[in-house]
N, C-alpha and C. Protein backbone atom coordinates (compact mmCIF):
# COMPACT_ATOMS: atom_id res chain seq x y z
N UNK A 1 84.98 36.90 102.67
CA UNK A 1 85.34 37.51 101.40
C UNK A 1 85.22 39.03 101.54
N UNK A 2 86.24 39.75 101.15
CA UNK A 2 86.18 41.21 101.33
C UNK A 2 85.46 41.89 100.17
N UNK A 3 85.19 43.16 100.33
CA UNK A 3 84.38 43.87 99.32
C UNK A 3 85.08 44.00 97.98
N UNK A 4 86.40 44.04 97.97
CA UNK A 4 87.13 44.12 96.70
C UNK A 4 86.92 42.84 95.89
N UNK A 5 87.01 41.72 96.56
CA UNK A 5 86.81 40.44 95.87
C UNK A 5 85.38 40.29 95.38
N UNK A 6 84.41 40.73 96.21
CA UNK A 6 83.00 40.67 95.81
C UNK A 6 82.77 41.55 94.59
N UNK A 7 83.37 42.78 94.58
CA UNK A 7 83.20 43.68 93.44
C UNK A 7 83.82 43.07 92.19
N UNK A 8 85.00 42.49 92.33
CA UNK A 8 85.67 41.86 91.19
C UNK A 8 84.84 40.69 90.65
N UNK A 9 84.30 39.91 91.56
CA UNK A 9 83.51 38.75 91.15
C UNK A 9 82.21 39.17 90.48
N UNK A 10 81.58 40.24 90.96
CA UNK A 10 80.29 40.62 90.40
C UNK A 10 80.40 41.52 89.16
N UNK A 11 81.44 42.38 89.11
CA UNK A 11 81.50 43.33 88.00
C UNK A 11 82.77 43.30 87.19
N UNK A 12 83.68 42.41 87.52
CA UNK A 12 84.93 42.34 86.78
C UNK A 12 85.86 43.51 87.14
N UNK A 13 86.88 43.73 86.31
CA UNK A 13 87.88 44.77 86.59
C UNK A 13 87.28 46.18 86.57
N UNK A 14 86.21 46.35 85.77
CA UNK A 14 85.58 47.67 85.72
C UNK A 14 85.00 48.07 87.07
N UNK A 15 84.56 47.13 87.84
CA UNK A 15 83.98 47.41 89.15
C UNK A 15 85.03 47.94 90.11
N UNK A 16 86.31 47.68 89.83
CA UNK A 16 87.39 48.14 90.71
C UNK A 16 87.94 49.51 90.28
N UNK A 17 87.48 50.03 89.15
CA UNK A 17 87.98 51.32 88.65
C UNK A 17 87.56 52.45 89.60
N UNK A 18 88.39 53.47 89.67
CA UNK A 18 88.11 54.61 90.54
C UNK A 18 86.87 55.36 90.06
N UNK A 19 86.09 55.81 90.99
CA UNK A 19 84.90 56.58 90.67
C UNK A 19 85.14 58.07 90.92
N UNK A 20 86.39 58.46 91.09
CA UNK A 20 86.71 59.86 91.32
C UNK A 20 86.88 60.17 92.79
N UNK A 21 87.13 61.42 93.05
CA UNK A 21 87.35 61.86 94.43
C UNK A 21 86.07 61.72 95.24
N UNK A 22 86.24 61.39 96.50
CA UNK A 22 85.10 61.27 97.38
C UNK A 22 84.61 62.63 97.84
N UNK A 23 83.61 62.63 98.67
CA UNK A 23 83.09 63.87 99.20
C UNK A 23 81.91 64.38 98.40
N UNK A 24 81.41 65.53 98.82
CA UNK A 24 80.25 66.13 98.16
C UNK A 24 80.63 66.65 96.78
N UNK A 25 79.65 66.66 95.90
CA UNK A 25 79.88 67.20 94.56
C UNK A 25 79.99 68.72 94.64
N UNK A 26 80.69 69.30 93.69
CA UNK A 26 80.85 70.75 93.64
C UNK A 26 79.49 71.39 93.37
N UNK A 27 79.17 72.43 94.11
CA UNK A 27 77.89 73.12 93.93
C UNK A 27 77.89 74.02 92.70
N UNK A 28 79.07 74.34 92.18
CA UNK A 28 79.18 75.18 91.00
C UNK A 28 79.34 74.32 89.75
N UNK A 29 78.81 74.81 88.66
CA UNK A 29 78.99 74.11 87.39
C UNK A 29 80.42 74.35 86.91
N UNK A 30 80.92 73.53 85.97
CA UNK A 30 82.27 73.78 85.45
C UNK A 30 82.44 75.19 84.87
N UNK A 31 81.40 75.72 84.23
CA UNK A 31 81.48 77.09 83.69
C UNK A 31 81.60 78.11 84.83
N UNK A 32 80.86 77.90 85.91
CA UNK A 32 80.94 78.80 87.05
C UNK A 32 82.30 78.72 87.73
N UNK A 33 82.88 77.53 87.78
CA UNK A 33 84.21 77.37 88.37
C UNK A 33 85.24 78.15 87.55
N UNK A 34 85.15 78.06 86.23
CA UNK A 34 86.07 78.82 85.36
C UNK A 34 85.88 80.32 85.57
N UNK A 35 84.62 80.75 85.69
CA UNK A 35 84.34 82.17 85.92
C UNK A 35 84.88 82.61 87.28
N UNK A 36 84.74 81.76 88.29
CA UNK A 36 85.27 82.08 89.62
C UNK A 36 86.78 82.25 89.56
N UNK A 37 87.46 81.36 88.84
CA UNK A 37 88.91 81.49 88.70
C UNK A 37 89.29 82.82 88.07
N UNK A 38 88.56 83.23 87.04
CA UNK A 38 88.84 84.50 86.37
C UNK A 38 88.60 85.67 87.31
N UNK A 39 87.54 85.59 88.10
CA UNK A 39 87.22 86.66 89.06
C UNK A 39 88.31 86.75 90.12
N UNK A 40 88.77 85.60 90.62
CA UNK A 40 89.82 85.61 91.64
C UNK A 40 91.13 86.15 91.09
N UNK A 41 91.43 85.82 89.85
CA UNK A 41 92.65 86.33 89.21
C UNK A 41 92.60 87.85 89.08
N UNK A 42 91.41 88.40 88.84
CA UNK A 42 91.26 89.85 88.66
C UNK A 42 91.55 90.61 89.96
N UNK A 43 91.35 89.98 91.10
CA UNK A 43 91.66 90.61 92.38
C UNK A 43 90.45 91.15 93.10
N UNK A 44 90.58 91.34 94.41
CA UNK A 44 89.45 91.78 95.22
C UNK A 44 89.10 93.27 95.07
N UNK A 45 90.01 94.09 94.56
CA UNK A 45 89.74 95.52 94.43
C UNK A 45 88.57 95.78 93.47
N UNK A 46 88.43 94.95 92.46
CA UNK A 46 87.33 95.11 91.51
C UNK A 46 85.98 94.94 92.20
N UNK A 47 85.95 94.16 93.26
CA UNK A 47 84.71 93.89 93.98
C UNK A 47 84.51 94.81 95.17
N UNK A 48 85.35 95.84 95.29
CA UNK A 48 85.13 96.85 96.32
C UNK A 48 85.98 96.74 97.57
N UNK A 49 86.85 95.74 97.66
CA UNK A 49 87.70 95.64 98.84
C UNK A 49 88.97 96.45 98.59
N UNK A 50 89.40 97.18 99.60
CA UNK A 50 90.52 98.11 99.47
C UNK A 50 91.85 97.41 99.21
N UNK A 51 92.12 96.38 100.00
CA UNK A 51 93.43 95.72 99.87
C UNK A 51 93.38 94.59 98.85
N UNK A 52 94.52 94.07 98.51
CA UNK A 52 94.63 93.00 97.52
C UNK A 52 94.75 91.65 98.22
N UNK A 53 93.84 91.37 99.12
CA UNK A 53 93.90 90.14 99.92
C UNK A 53 92.57 89.39 99.82
N UNK A 54 92.60 88.21 99.24
CA UNK A 54 91.41 87.37 99.24
C UNK A 54 91.38 86.60 100.55
N UNK A 55 90.26 86.62 101.22
CA UNK A 55 90.06 85.79 102.41
C UNK A 55 88.95 84.79 102.09
N UNK A 56 88.86 83.74 102.88
CA UNK A 56 87.80 82.76 102.67
C UNK A 56 86.42 83.40 102.80
N UNK A 57 86.28 84.31 103.76
CA UNK A 57 84.99 84.98 103.96
C UNK A 57 84.64 85.84 102.74
N UNK A 58 85.61 86.53 102.18
CA UNK A 58 85.36 87.35 101.00
C UNK A 58 84.97 86.49 99.81
N UNK A 59 85.66 85.38 99.63
CA UNK A 59 85.36 84.51 98.49
C UNK A 59 83.98 83.89 98.67
N UNK A 60 83.63 83.50 99.89
CA UNK A 60 82.30 82.93 100.15
C UNK A 60 81.22 83.97 99.84
N UNK A 61 81.47 85.22 100.22
CA UNK A 61 80.52 86.31 99.94
C UNK A 61 80.39 86.53 98.43
N UNK A 62 81.51 86.50 97.74
CA UNK A 62 81.52 86.67 96.29
C UNK A 62 80.73 85.54 95.61
N UNK A 63 80.96 84.31 96.02
CA UNK A 63 80.25 83.16 95.43
C UNK A 63 78.76 83.29 95.71
N UNK A 64 78.40 83.71 96.91
CA UNK A 64 76.99 83.87 97.27
C UNK A 64 76.33 84.95 96.41
N UNK A 65 77.02 86.10 96.24
CA UNK A 65 76.45 87.20 95.46
C UNK A 65 76.41 86.87 93.97
N UNK A 66 77.49 86.34 93.46
CA UNK A 66 77.64 86.15 92.00
C UNK A 66 76.87 84.93 91.49
N UNK A 67 76.95 83.81 92.24
CA UNK A 67 76.38 82.56 91.74
C UNK A 67 75.15 82.11 92.54
N UNK A 68 74.84 82.83 93.61
CA UNK A 68 73.72 82.48 94.49
C UNK A 68 73.85 81.06 95.04
N UNK A 69 75.07 80.75 95.47
CA UNK A 69 75.38 79.44 96.04
C UNK A 69 76.03 79.66 97.40
N UNK A 70 75.54 78.96 98.41
CA UNK A 70 76.08 79.10 99.77
C UNK A 70 77.19 78.07 100.00
N UNK A 71 78.31 78.53 100.52
CA UNK A 71 79.43 77.67 100.91
C UNK A 71 79.84 78.04 102.33
N UNK A 72 80.25 77.06 103.11
CA UNK A 72 80.89 77.35 104.38
C UNK A 72 82.33 77.74 104.09
N UNK A 73 83.02 78.29 105.08
CA UNK A 73 84.43 78.64 104.88
C UNK A 73 85.26 77.40 104.60
N UNK A 74 84.94 76.30 105.27
CA UNK A 74 85.66 75.05 105.01
C UNK A 74 85.38 74.56 103.58
N UNK A 75 84.15 74.74 103.10
CA UNK A 75 83.81 74.34 101.75
C UNK A 75 84.54 75.19 100.71
N UNK A 76 84.68 76.48 100.98
CA UNK A 76 85.44 77.37 100.08
C UNK A 76 86.90 76.94 100.07
N UNK A 77 87.43 76.56 101.23
CA UNK A 77 88.82 76.11 101.31
C UNK A 77 89.03 74.87 100.44
N UNK A 78 88.11 73.91 100.52
CA UNK A 78 88.21 72.70 99.70
C UNK A 78 88.11 73.04 98.22
N UNK A 79 87.18 73.92 97.88
CA UNK A 79 87.00 74.33 96.48
C UNK A 79 88.27 74.98 95.94
N UNK A 80 88.88 75.86 96.72
CA UNK A 80 90.10 76.53 96.28
C UNK A 80 91.25 75.54 96.10
N UNK A 81 91.34 74.56 96.98
CA UNK A 81 92.38 73.54 96.84
C UNK A 81 92.17 72.71 95.58
N UNK A 82 90.91 72.42 95.25
CA UNK A 82 90.62 71.70 94.00
C UNK A 82 91.06 72.52 92.79
N UNK A 83 90.98 73.85 92.91
CA UNK A 83 91.37 74.73 91.80
C UNK A 83 92.87 74.97 91.75
N UNK A 84 93.59 74.48 92.77
CA UNK A 84 95.04 74.65 92.79
C UNK A 84 95.50 75.89 93.52
N UNK A 85 94.59 76.55 94.23
CA UNK A 85 94.96 77.73 95.02
C UNK A 85 95.41 77.27 96.40
N UNK A 86 96.34 78.02 96.99
CA UNK A 86 96.80 77.68 98.34
C UNK A 86 96.79 78.93 99.20
N UNK A 87 96.86 78.72 100.50
CA UNK A 87 96.85 79.82 101.45
C UNK A 87 98.18 80.56 101.36
N UNK A 88 98.11 81.86 101.27
CA UNK A 88 99.30 82.69 101.25
C UNK A 88 99.23 83.62 102.44
N UNK A 89 100.24 83.60 103.28
CA UNK A 89 100.27 84.45 104.46
C UNK A 89 101.36 85.49 104.27
N UNK A 90 100.98 86.77 104.23
CA UNK A 90 101.99 87.80 104.04
C UNK A 90 102.84 87.98 105.30
N UNK A 91 104.08 88.44 105.11
CA UNK A 91 104.92 88.78 106.26
C UNK A 91 104.35 90.06 106.86
N UNK A 92 104.01 90.01 108.12
CA UNK A 92 103.38 91.17 108.75
C UNK A 92 104.41 91.93 109.57
N UNK A 93 104.81 93.04 109.06
CA UNK A 93 105.75 93.90 109.77
C UNK A 93 105.22 95.32 109.73
N UNK A 94 105.34 96.00 110.83
CA UNK A 94 104.85 97.37 110.90
C UNK A 94 105.68 98.27 110.01
N UNK A 95 105.03 99.22 109.37
CA UNK A 95 105.73 100.17 108.51
C UNK A 95 106.67 101.04 109.34
N UNK A 96 106.33 101.26 110.60
CA UNK A 96 107.13 102.11 111.48
C UNK A 96 108.27 101.36 112.14
N UNK A 97 108.48 100.12 111.80
CA UNK A 97 109.48 99.27 112.43
C UNK A 97 110.88 99.88 112.29
N UNK A 98 111.60 99.95 113.41
CA UNK A 98 112.95 100.53 113.43
C UNK A 98 113.94 99.40 113.69
N UNK A 99 114.56 98.92 112.63
CA UNK A 99 115.47 97.77 112.73
C UNK A 99 116.67 98.06 113.63
N UNK A 100 117.19 99.29 113.60
CA UNK A 100 118.35 99.65 114.43
C UNK A 100 117.98 99.59 115.92
N UNK A 101 116.80 100.08 116.26
CA UNK A 101 116.36 100.05 117.66
C UNK A 101 116.14 98.61 118.12
N UNK A 102 115.63 97.77 117.25
CA UNK A 102 115.40 96.37 117.60
C UNK A 102 116.73 95.66 117.84
N UNK A 103 117.71 95.92 116.97
CA UNK A 103 119.03 95.30 117.13
C UNK A 103 119.70 95.77 118.42
N UNK A 104 119.57 97.05 118.74
CA UNK A 104 120.16 97.58 119.98
C UNK A 104 119.49 96.94 121.20
N UNK A 105 118.17 96.79 121.17
CA UNK A 105 117.46 96.19 122.29
C UNK A 105 117.91 94.74 122.48
N UNK A 106 118.08 94.01 121.38
CA UNK A 106 118.52 92.62 121.49
C UNK A 106 119.90 92.51 122.13
N UNK A 107 120.77 93.44 121.83
CA UNK A 107 122.14 93.38 122.37
C UNK A 107 122.23 93.89 123.79
N UNK A 108 121.45 94.90 124.14
CA UNK A 108 121.56 95.53 125.46
C UNK A 108 120.53 95.03 126.46
N UNK A 109 119.26 95.10 126.11
CA UNK A 109 118.20 94.81 127.09
C UNK A 109 117.92 93.31 127.22
N UNK A 110 117.95 92.58 126.12
CA UNK A 110 117.58 91.17 126.17
C UNK A 110 118.48 90.35 127.09
N UNK A 111 119.79 90.51 127.08
CA UNK A 111 120.60 89.72 128.02
C UNK A 111 120.25 89.98 129.48
N UNK A 112 119.83 91.20 129.79
CA UNK A 112 119.43 91.52 131.17
C UNK A 112 118.12 90.82 131.50
N UNK A 113 117.19 90.82 130.56
CA UNK A 113 115.90 90.19 130.78
C UNK A 113 116.04 88.68 130.88
N UNK A 114 116.85 88.13 130.02
CA UNK A 114 117.01 86.68 129.97
C UNK A 114 118.19 86.26 130.83
N UNK A 115 118.01 86.35 132.11
CA UNK A 115 119.03 85.91 133.05
C UNK A 115 118.80 84.44 133.33
N UNK A 116 119.89 83.69 133.41
CA UNK A 116 119.75 82.26 133.68
C UNK A 116 119.14 82.03 135.05
N UNK A 117 118.24 81.05 135.12
CA UNK A 117 117.63 80.69 136.39
C UNK A 117 118.64 79.98 137.27
N UNK A 118 118.52 80.20 138.56
CA UNK A 118 119.38 79.48 139.50
C UNK A 118 118.77 78.11 139.72
N UNK A 119 119.35 77.12 139.13
CA UNK A 119 118.81 75.77 139.28
C UNK A 119 119.37 75.08 140.52
N UNK A 120 120.43 75.63 141.11
CA UNK A 120 121.05 74.98 142.26
C UNK A 120 120.41 75.40 143.56
N UNK A 121 119.51 76.38 143.55
CA UNK A 121 118.90 76.87 144.80
C UNK A 121 118.03 75.77 145.41
N UNK A 122 118.00 75.73 146.73
CA UNK A 122 117.17 74.70 147.38
C UNK A 122 115.70 74.93 147.05
N UNK A 123 114.98 73.86 146.85
CA UNK A 123 113.57 73.96 146.52
C UNK A 123 112.71 73.22 147.51
N UNK A 124 111.46 73.13 147.25
CA UNK A 124 110.52 72.45 148.12
C UNK A 124 109.72 71.50 147.26
N UNK A 125 109.61 70.23 147.64
CA UNK A 125 108.97 69.23 146.82
C UNK A 125 107.44 69.27 146.94
N UNK A 126 106.94 69.90 147.99
CA UNK A 126 105.51 69.96 148.20
C UNK A 126 104.91 71.06 147.33
N UNK A 127 103.62 70.88 146.95
CA UNK A 127 102.93 71.91 146.17
C UNK A 127 102.51 73.07 147.07
N UNK A 128 102.50 72.84 148.39
CA UNK A 128 102.12 73.89 149.31
C UNK A 128 103.37 74.48 149.95
N UNK A 129 103.22 75.61 150.54
CA UNK A 129 104.35 76.26 151.20
C UNK A 129 104.74 75.45 152.44
N UNK A 130 106.01 75.52 152.81
CA UNK A 130 106.41 74.80 154.03
C UNK A 130 105.75 75.43 155.26
N UNK A 131 105.47 74.61 156.27
CA UNK A 131 104.83 75.10 157.49
C UNK A 131 105.80 76.00 158.24
N UNK A 132 105.23 77.03 158.84
CA UNK A 132 106.07 77.94 159.62
C UNK A 132 106.17 77.43 161.05
N UNK A 133 107.33 77.57 161.59
CA UNK A 133 107.53 77.07 162.95
C UNK A 133 107.25 78.14 163.96
């Protein structure tokens, strides 16, 4: 008899009801979670970081300072996913990027660099060099 049948037999249909998501319970109270969301919405500049980029390490530091609760980076990631936040990766391009020079290089230099390999050349099946006579 499997555990589902045993649960049904001992506790009825209520015993089969979901008990919620598995895993560890959230270390923050619901009020703290709402406050964290408000803090994240306000942006990292308010907390002294120059750029407008939240990182897991920054959020973990913020939670530690503000709520006196320790989270690992993986734990912060899970917490953010529960809140509906996702990872955002900005397009990283240098400000000095010269699109015209890149296009010229692709047309002129790249074909020279990417020369087709000679697949018809005779090869050697051994991993070592052939013996010299």
